[in-house]
Amino acid sequence: MPGKNHDLSTRADTIEPTDRALEGSTAERARAVVAAHAHQGDDCRLLLDMLGLREPTH
Protein backbone atom coordinates (compact mmCIF):
# COMPACT_ATOMS: atom_id res chain seq x y z
CA MET A 1 0.00 0.00 0.00
CA PRO A 2 1.75 3.20 -1.12
CA GLY A 3 2.19 5.91 1.45
CA LYS A 4 1.33 3.69 4.42
CA ASN A 5 3.01 5.06 7.57
CA HIS A 6 4.18 2.50 10.10
CA ASP A 7 5.98 5.03 12.31
CA LEU A 8 4.06 4.88 15.58
CA SER A 9 5.68 8.01 16.99
CA THR A 10 3.55 10.05 14.57
CA ARG A 11 0.40 8.32 15.79
CA ALA A 12 1.00 8.79 19.52
CA ASP A 13 -0.71 12.19 19.41
CA THR A 14 -3.89 10.75 17.85
CA ILE A 15 -4.32 7.57 19.93
CA GLU A 16 -5.50 8.00 23.50
CA PRO A 17 -4.59 5.48 26.22
CA THR A 18 -7.44 3.40 27.57
CA ASP A 19 -8.49 3.23 31.20
CA ARG A 20 -10.14 -0.18 30.69
CA ALA A 21 -7.79 -3.05 31.47
CA LEU A 22 -7.81 -6.51 29.95
CA GLU A 23 -7.43 -9.39 32.34
CA GLY A 24 -5.77 -12.81 32.39
CA SER A 25 -5.21 -14.77 29.22
CA THR A 26 -6.72 -12.03 27.03
CA ALA A 27 -4.08 -9.57 28.22
CA GLU A 28 -1.32 -12.16 27.72
CA ARG A 29 -2.45 -12.86 24.14
CA ALA A 30 -2.71 -9.13 23.40
CA ARG A 31 0.84 -8.54 24.72
CA ALA A 32 2.14 -11.40 22.56
CA VAL A 33 0.46 -10.00 19.43
CA VAL A 34 1.80 -6.49 20.07
CA ALA A 35 5.32 -7.83 20.70
CA ALA A 36 5.22 -10.00 17.58
CA HIS A 37 4.15 -7.16 15.30
CA ALA A 38 6.05 -4.21 16.74
CA HIS A 39 8.94 -3.07 14.58
CA GLN A 40 11.14 -2.13 17.52
CA GLY A 41 11.12 -2.04 21.31
CA ASP A 42 9.96 1.56 21.55
CA ASP A 43 6.95 0.78 19.35
CA CYS A 44 6.11 -2.20 21.52
CA ARG A 45 6.28 -0.17 24.74
CA LEU A 46 4.22 2.66 23.22
CA LEU A 47 1.47 0.31 22.06
CA LEU A 48 1.41 -1.61 25.34
CA ASP A 49 1.12 1.70 27.25
CA MET A 50 -1.71 2.89 25.01
CA LEU A 51 -3.57 -0.37 25.51
CA GLY A 52 -2.96 -0.37 29.24
CA LEU A 53 -1.05 -3.65 28.96
CA ARG A 54 2.44 -2.69 30.00
CA GLU A 55 3.68 -4.55 33.05
CA PRO A 56 4.94 -2.30 35.84
CA THR A 57 8.74 -2.21 36.13
CA HIS A 58 10.39 -2.73 39.50
PDB file of N, CA and C in Angstrom:
ATOM      1  N   MET A   1       0.845  -1.170   0.000  1.00  0.00           N
ATOM      2  CA  MET A   1       0.000   0.000   0.000  1.00  0.00           C
ATOM      3  C   MET A   1       0.895   1.239   0.000  1.00  0.00           C
ATOM      4  N   PRO A   2       0.890   2.021  -1.054  1.00  0.00           N
ATOM      5  CA  PRO A   2       1.753   3.202  -1.122  1.00  0.00           C
ATOM      6  C   PRO A   2       1.375   4.245  -0.076  1.00  0.00           C
ATOM      7  N   GLY A   3       2.404   4.836   0.506  1.00  0.00           N
ATOM      8  CA  GLY A   3       2.191   5.915   1.454  1.00  0.00           C
ATOM      9  C   GLY A   3       1.761   5.471   2.843  1.00  0.00           C
ATOM     10  N   LYS A   4       1.752   4.181   3.098  1.00  0.00           N
ATOM     11  CA  LYS A   4       1.335   3.695   4.417  1.00  0.00           C
ATOM     12  C   LYS A   4       2.420   4.002   5.431  1.00  0.00           C
ATOM     13  N   ASN A   5       2.060   4.641   6.551  1.00  0.00           N
ATOM     14  CA  ASN A   5       3.012   5.064   7.566  1.00  0.00           C
ATOM     15  C   ASN A   5       2.976   4.106   8.749  1.00  0.00           C
ATOM     16  N   HIS A   6       4.100   3.425   8.985  1.00  0.00           N
ATOM     17  CA  HIS A   6       4.182   2.502  10.102  1.00  0.00           C
ATOM     18  C   HIS A   6       4.905   3.113  11.297  1.00  0.00           C
ATOM     19  N   ASP A   7       5.276   4.376  11.227  1.00  0.00           N
ATOM     20  CA  ASP A   7       5.983   5.033  12.314  1.00  0.00           C
ATOM     21  C   ASP A   7       4.993   5.406  13.407  1.00  0.00           C
ATOM     22  N   LEU A   8       5.030   4.668  14.517  1.00  0.00           N
ATOM     23  CA  LEU A   8       4.055   4.885  15.581  1.00  0.00           C
ATOM     24  C   LEU A   8       4.257   6.183  16.328  1.00  0.00           C
ATOM     25  N   SER A   9       5.456   6.749  16.278  1.00  0.00           N
ATOM     26  CA  SER A   9       5.678   8.009  16.988  1.00  0.00           C
ATOM     27  C   SER A   9       4.800   9.125  16.425  1.00  0.00           C
ATOM     28  N   THR A  10       4.427   9.038  15.156  1.00  0.00           N
ATOM     29  CA  THR A  10       3.551  10.053  14.570  1.00  0.00           C
ATOM     30  C   THR A  10       2.096   9.816  14.950  1.00  0.00           C
ATOM     31  N   ARG A  11       1.785   8.635  15.421  1.00  0.00           N
ATOM     32  CA  ARG A  11       0.403   8.316  15.789  1.00  0.00           C
ATOM     33  C   ARG A  11       0.139   8.510  17.282  1.00  0.00           C
ATOM     34  N   ALA A  12       1.163   8.673  18.063  1.00  0.00           N
ATOM     35  CA  ALA A  12       1.002   8.786  19.517  1.00  0.00           C
ATOM     36  C   ALA A  12       0.114   9.971  19.898  1.00  0.00           C
ATOM     37  N   ASP A  13       0.101  11.011  19.096  1.00  0.00           N
ATOM     38  CA  ASP A  13      -0.713  12.187  19.406  1.00  0.00           C
ATOM     39  C   ASP A  13      -2.187  11.970  19.082  1.00  0.00           C
ATOM     40  N   THR A  14      -2.512  10.954  18.266  1.00  0.00           N
ATOM     41  CA  THR A  14      -3.890  10.750  17.854  1.00  0.00           C
ATOM     42  C   THR A  14      -4.555   9.561  18.539  1.00  0.00           C
ATOM     43  N   ILE A  15      -3.771   8.736  19.241  1.00  0.00           N
ATOM     44  CA  ILE A  15      -4.324   7.571  19.929  1.00  0.00           C
ATOM     45  C   ILE A  15      -4.281   7.832  21.427  1.00  0.00           C
ATOM     46  N   GLU A  16      -5.422   7.734  22.060  1.00  0.00           N
ATOM     47  CA  GLU A  16      -5.496   7.998  23.499  1.00  0.00           C
ATOM     48  C   GLU A  16      -5.409   6.695  24.280  1.00  0.00           C
ATOM     49  N   PRO A  17      -4.667   6.685  25.383  1.00  0.00           N
ATOM     50  CA  PRO A  17      -4.592   5.482  26.221  1.00  0.00           C
ATOM     51  C   PRO A  17      -5.970   5.125  26.783  1.00  0.00           C
ATOM     52  N   THR A  18      -6.170   3.853  27.013  1.00  0.00           N
ATOM     53  CA  THR A  18      -7.436   3.396  27.573  1.00  0.00           C
ATOM     54  C   THR A  18      -7.338   3.279  29.084  1.00  0.00           C
ATOM     55  N   ASP A  19      -8.468   3.435  29.755  1.00  0.00           N
ATOM     56  CA  ASP A  19      -8.489   3.232  31.198  1.00  0.00           C
ATOM     57  C   ASP A  19      -9.142   1.893  31.535  1.00  0.00           C
ATOM     58  N   ARG A  20      -9.511   1.137  30.516  1.00  0.00           N
ATOM     59  CA  ARG A  20     -10.144  -0.176  30.692  1.00  0.00           C
ATOM     60  C   ARG A  20      -9.082  -1.254  30.510  1.00  0.00           C
ATOM     61  N   ALA A  21      -8.851  -2.049  31.518  1.00  0.00           N
ATOM     62  CA  ALA A  21      -7.789  -3.049  31.474  1.00  0.00           C
ATOM     63  C   ALA A  21      -8.323  -4.420  31.070  1.00  0.00           C
ATOM     64  N   LEU A  22      -7.516  -5.113  30.276  1.00  0.00           N
ATOM     65  CA  LEU A  22      -7.810  -6.508  29.954  1.00  0.00           C
ATOM     66  C   LEU A  22      -7.274  -7.375  31.080  1.00  0.00           C
ATOM     67  N   GLU A  23      -7.841  -8.522  31.247  1.00  0.00           N
ATOM     68  CA  GLU A  23      -7.432  -9.395  32.343  1.00  0.00           C
ATOM     69  C   GLU A  23      -6.978 -10.759  31.822  1.00  0.00           C
ATOM     70  N   GLY A  24      -6.146 -11.421  32.597  1.00  0.00           N
ATOM     71  CA  GLY A  24      -5.773 -12.808  32.390  1.00  0.00           C
ATOM     72  C   GLY A  24      -5.220 -13.161  31.026  1.00  0.00           C
ATOM     73  N   SER A  25      -5.749 -14.245  30.468  1.00  0.00           N
ATOM     74  CA  SER A  25      -5.208 -14.770  29.221  1.00  0.00           C
ATOM     75  C   SER A  25      -5.438 -13.821  28.048  1.00  0.00           C
ATOM     76  N   THR A  26      -6.487 -13.007  28.100  1.00  0.00           N
ATOM     77  CA  THR A  26      -6.720 -12.033  27.033  1.00  0.00           C
ATOM     78  C   THR A  26      -5.596 -11.009  26.997  1.00  0.00           C
ATOM     79  N   ALA A  27      -5.179 -10.527  28.147  1.00  0.00           N
ATOM     80  CA  ALA A  27      -4.077  -9.566  28.219  1.00  0.00           C
ATOM     81  C   ALA A  27      -2.776 -10.210  27.758  1.00  0.00           C
ATOM     82  N   GLU A  28      -2.537 -11.461  28.139  1.00  0.00           N
ATOM     83  CA  GLU A  28      -1.320 -12.158  27.721  1.00  0.00           C
ATOM     84  C   GLU A  28      -1.273 -12.321  26.205  1.00  0.00           C
ATOM     85  N   ARG A  29      -2.406 -12.699  25.606  1.00  0.00           N
ATOM     86  CA  ARG A  29      -2.453 -12.855  24.143  1.00  0.00           C
ATOM     87  C   ARG A  29      -2.251 -11.511  23.448  1.00  0.00           C
ATOM     88  N   ALA A  30      -2.857 -10.459  23.990  1.00  0.00           N
ATOM     89  CA  ALA A  30      -2.710  -9.126  23.399  1.00  0.00           C
ATOM     90  C   ALA A  30      -1.253  -8.670  23.465  1.00  0.00           C
ATOM     91  N   ARG A  31      -0.581  -8.897  24.603  1.00  0.00           N
ATOM     92  CA  ARG A  31       0.839  -8.543  24.722  1.00  0.00           C
ATOM     93  C   ARG A  31       1.673  -9.298  23.695  1.00  0.00           C
ATOM     94  N   ALA A  32       1.383 -10.578  23.517  1.00  0.00           N
ATOM     95  CA  ALA A  32       2.137 -11.397  22.563  1.00  0.00           C
ATOM     96  C   ALA A  32       1.950 -10.895  21.131  1.00  0.00           C
ATOM     97  N   VAL A  33       0.729 -10.511  20.778  1.00  0.00           N
ATOM     98  CA  VAL A  33       0.460  -9.997  19.427  1.00  0.00           C
ATOM     99  C   VAL A  33       1.192  -8.678  19.210  1.00  0.00           C
ATOM    100  N   VAL A  34       1.114  -7.780  20.192  1.00  0.00           N
ATOM    101  CA  VAL A  34       1.804  -6.490  20.065  1.00  0.00           C
ATOM    102  C   VAL A  34       3.304  -6.709  19.920  1.00  0.00           C
ATOM    103  N   ALA A  35       3.877  -7.567  20.755  1.00  0.00           N
ATOM    104  CA  ALA A  35       5.315  -7.827  20.701  1.00  0.00           C
ATOM    105  C   ALA A  35       5.717  -8.446  19.367  1.00  0.00           C
ATOM    106  N   ALA A  36       4.898  -9.328  18.844  1.00  0.00           N
ATOM    107  CA  ALA A  36       5.223  -9.997  17.582  1.00  0.00           C
ATOM    108  C   ALA A  36       5.185  -9.051  16.388  1.00  0.00           C
ATOM    109  N   HIS A  37       4.335  -8.043  16.449  1.00  0.00           N
ATOM    110  CA  HIS A  37       4.152  -7.164  15.295  1.00  0.00           C
ATOM    111  C   HIS A  37       4.819  -5.802  15.417  1.00  0.00           C
ATOM    112  N   ALA A  38       5.351  -5.490  16.577  1.00  0.00           N
ATOM    113  CA  ALA A  38       6.049  -4.206  16.744  1.00  0.00           C
ATOM    114  C   ALA A  38       7.370  -4.246  15.980  1.00  0.00           C
ATOM    115  N   HIS A  39       7.719  -3.152  15.368  1.00  0.00           N
ATOM    116  CA  HIS A  39       8.944  -3.074  14.576  1.00  0.00           C
ATOM    117  C   HIS A  39      10.182  -2.887  15.441  1.00  0.00           C
ATOM    118  N   GLN A  40      10.011  -2.333  16.613  1.00  0.00           N
ATOM    119  CA  GLN A  40      11.136  -2.130  17.521  1.00  0.00           C
ATOM    120  C   GLN A  40      10.601  -2.009  18.953  1.00  0.00           C
ATOM    121  N   GLY A  41      11.505  -2.055  19.909  1.00  0.00           N
ATOM    122  CA  GLY A  41      11.124  -2.043  21.313  1.00  0.00           C
ATOM    123  C   GLY A  41      10.316  -0.828  21.718  1.00  0.00           C
ATOM    124  N   ASP A  42      10.690   0.339  21.200  1.00  0.00           N
ATOM    125  CA  ASP A  42       9.959   1.563  21.552  1.00  0.00           C
ATOM    126  C   ASP A  42       8.513   1.498  21.066  1.00  0.00           C
ATOM    127  N   ASP A  43       8.306   0.945  19.865  1.00  0.00           N
ATOM    128  CA  ASP A  43       6.950   0.784  19.346  1.00  0.00           C
ATOM    129  C   ASP A  43       6.144  -0.149  20.243  1.00  0.00           C
ATOM    130  N   CYS A  44       6.772  -1.231  20.661  1.00  0.00           N
ATOM    131  CA  CYS A  44       6.106  -2.203  21.518  1.00  0.00           C
ATOM    132  C   CYS A  44       5.687  -1.551  22.832  1.00  0.00           C
ATOM    133  N   ARG A  45       6.599  -0.832  23.469  1.00  0.00           N
ATOM    134  CA  ARG A  45       6.282  -0.165  24.737  1.00  0.00           C
ATOM    135  C   ARG A  45       5.180   0.868  24.564  1.00  0.00           C
ATOM    136  N   LEU A  46       5.233   1.636  23.484  1.00  0.00           N
ATOM    137  CA  LEU A  46       4.219   2.658  23.223  1.00  0.00           C
ATOM    138  C   LEU A  46       2.840   2.024  23.062  1.00  0.00           C
ATOM    139  N   LEU A  47       2.752   0.970  22.267  1.00  0.00           N
ATOM    140  CA  LEU A  47       1.469   0.307  22.063  1.00  0.00           C
ATOM    141  C   LEU A  47       0.944  -0.331  23.347  1.00  0.00           C
ATOM    142  N   LEU A  48       1.827  -0.991  24.082  1.00  0.00           N
ATOM    143  CA  LEU A  48       1.405  -1.606  25.343  1.00  0.00           C
ATOM    144  C   LEU A  48       0.903  -0.557  26.328  1.00  0.00           C
ATOM    145  N   ASP A  49       1.577   0.595  26.384  1.00  0.00           N
ATOM    146  CA  ASP A  49       1.120   1.695  27.247  1.00  0.00           C
ATOM    147  C   ASP A  49      -0.260   2.189  26.819  1.00  0.00           C
ATOM    148  N   MET A  50      -0.437   2.380  25.519  1.00  0.00           N
ATOM    149  CA  MET A  50      -1.707   2.886  25.008  1.00  0.00           C
ATOM    150  C   MET A  50      -2.855   1.926  25.284  1.00  0.00           C
ATOM    151  N   LEU A  51      -2.548   0.640  25.266  1.00  0.00           N
ATOM    152  CA  LEU A  51      -3.575  -0.369  25.508  1.00  0.00           C
ATOM    153  C   LEU A  51      -3.739  -0.696  26.987  1.00  0.00           C
ATOM    154  N   GLY A  52      -2.907  -0.087  27.810  1.00  0.00           N
ATOM    155  CA  GLY A  52      -2.960  -0.374  29.242  1.00  0.00           C
ATOM    156  C   GLY A  52      -2.459  -1.762  29.591  1.00  0.00           C
ATOM    157  N   LEU A  53      -1.537  -2.292  28.784  1.00  0.00           N
ATOM    158  CA  LEU A  53      -1.054  -3.652  28.957  1.00  0.00           C
ATOM    159  C   LEU A  53       0.399  -3.750  29.411  1.00  0.00           C
ATOM    160  N   ARG A  54       1.036  -2.642  29.611  1.00  0.00           N
ATOM    161  CA  ARG A  54       2.443  -2.689  29.997  1.00  0.00           C
ATOM    162  C   ARG A  54       2.580  -3.092  31.455  1.00  0.00           C
ATOM    163  N   GLU A  55       3.428  -4.077  31.684  1.00  0.00           N
ATOM    164  CA  GLU A  55       3.680  -4.551  33.048  1.00  0.00           C
ATOM    165  C   GLU A  55       4.471  -3.489  33.808  1.00  0.00           C
ATOM    166  N   PRO A  56       4.156  -3.272  35.069  1.00  0.00           N
ATOM    167  CA  PRO A  56       4.945  -2.297  35.843  1.00  0.00           C
ATOM    168  C   PRO A  56       6.386  -2.792  36.019  1.00  0.00           C
ATOM    169  N   THR A  57       7.334  -1.857  35.933  1.00  0.00           N
ATOM    170  CA  THR A  57       8.737  -2.206  36.134  1.00  0.00           C
ATOM    171  C   THR A  57       9.095  -1.996  37.595  1.00  0.00           C
ATOM    172  N   HIS A  58       9.999  -2.815  38.069  1.00  0.00           N
ATOM    173  CA  HIS A  58      10.392  -2.729  39.501  1.00  0.00           C
ATOM    174  C   HIS A  58      11.668  -1.992  39.638  1.00  0.00           C
TER     175      HIS A  58
END
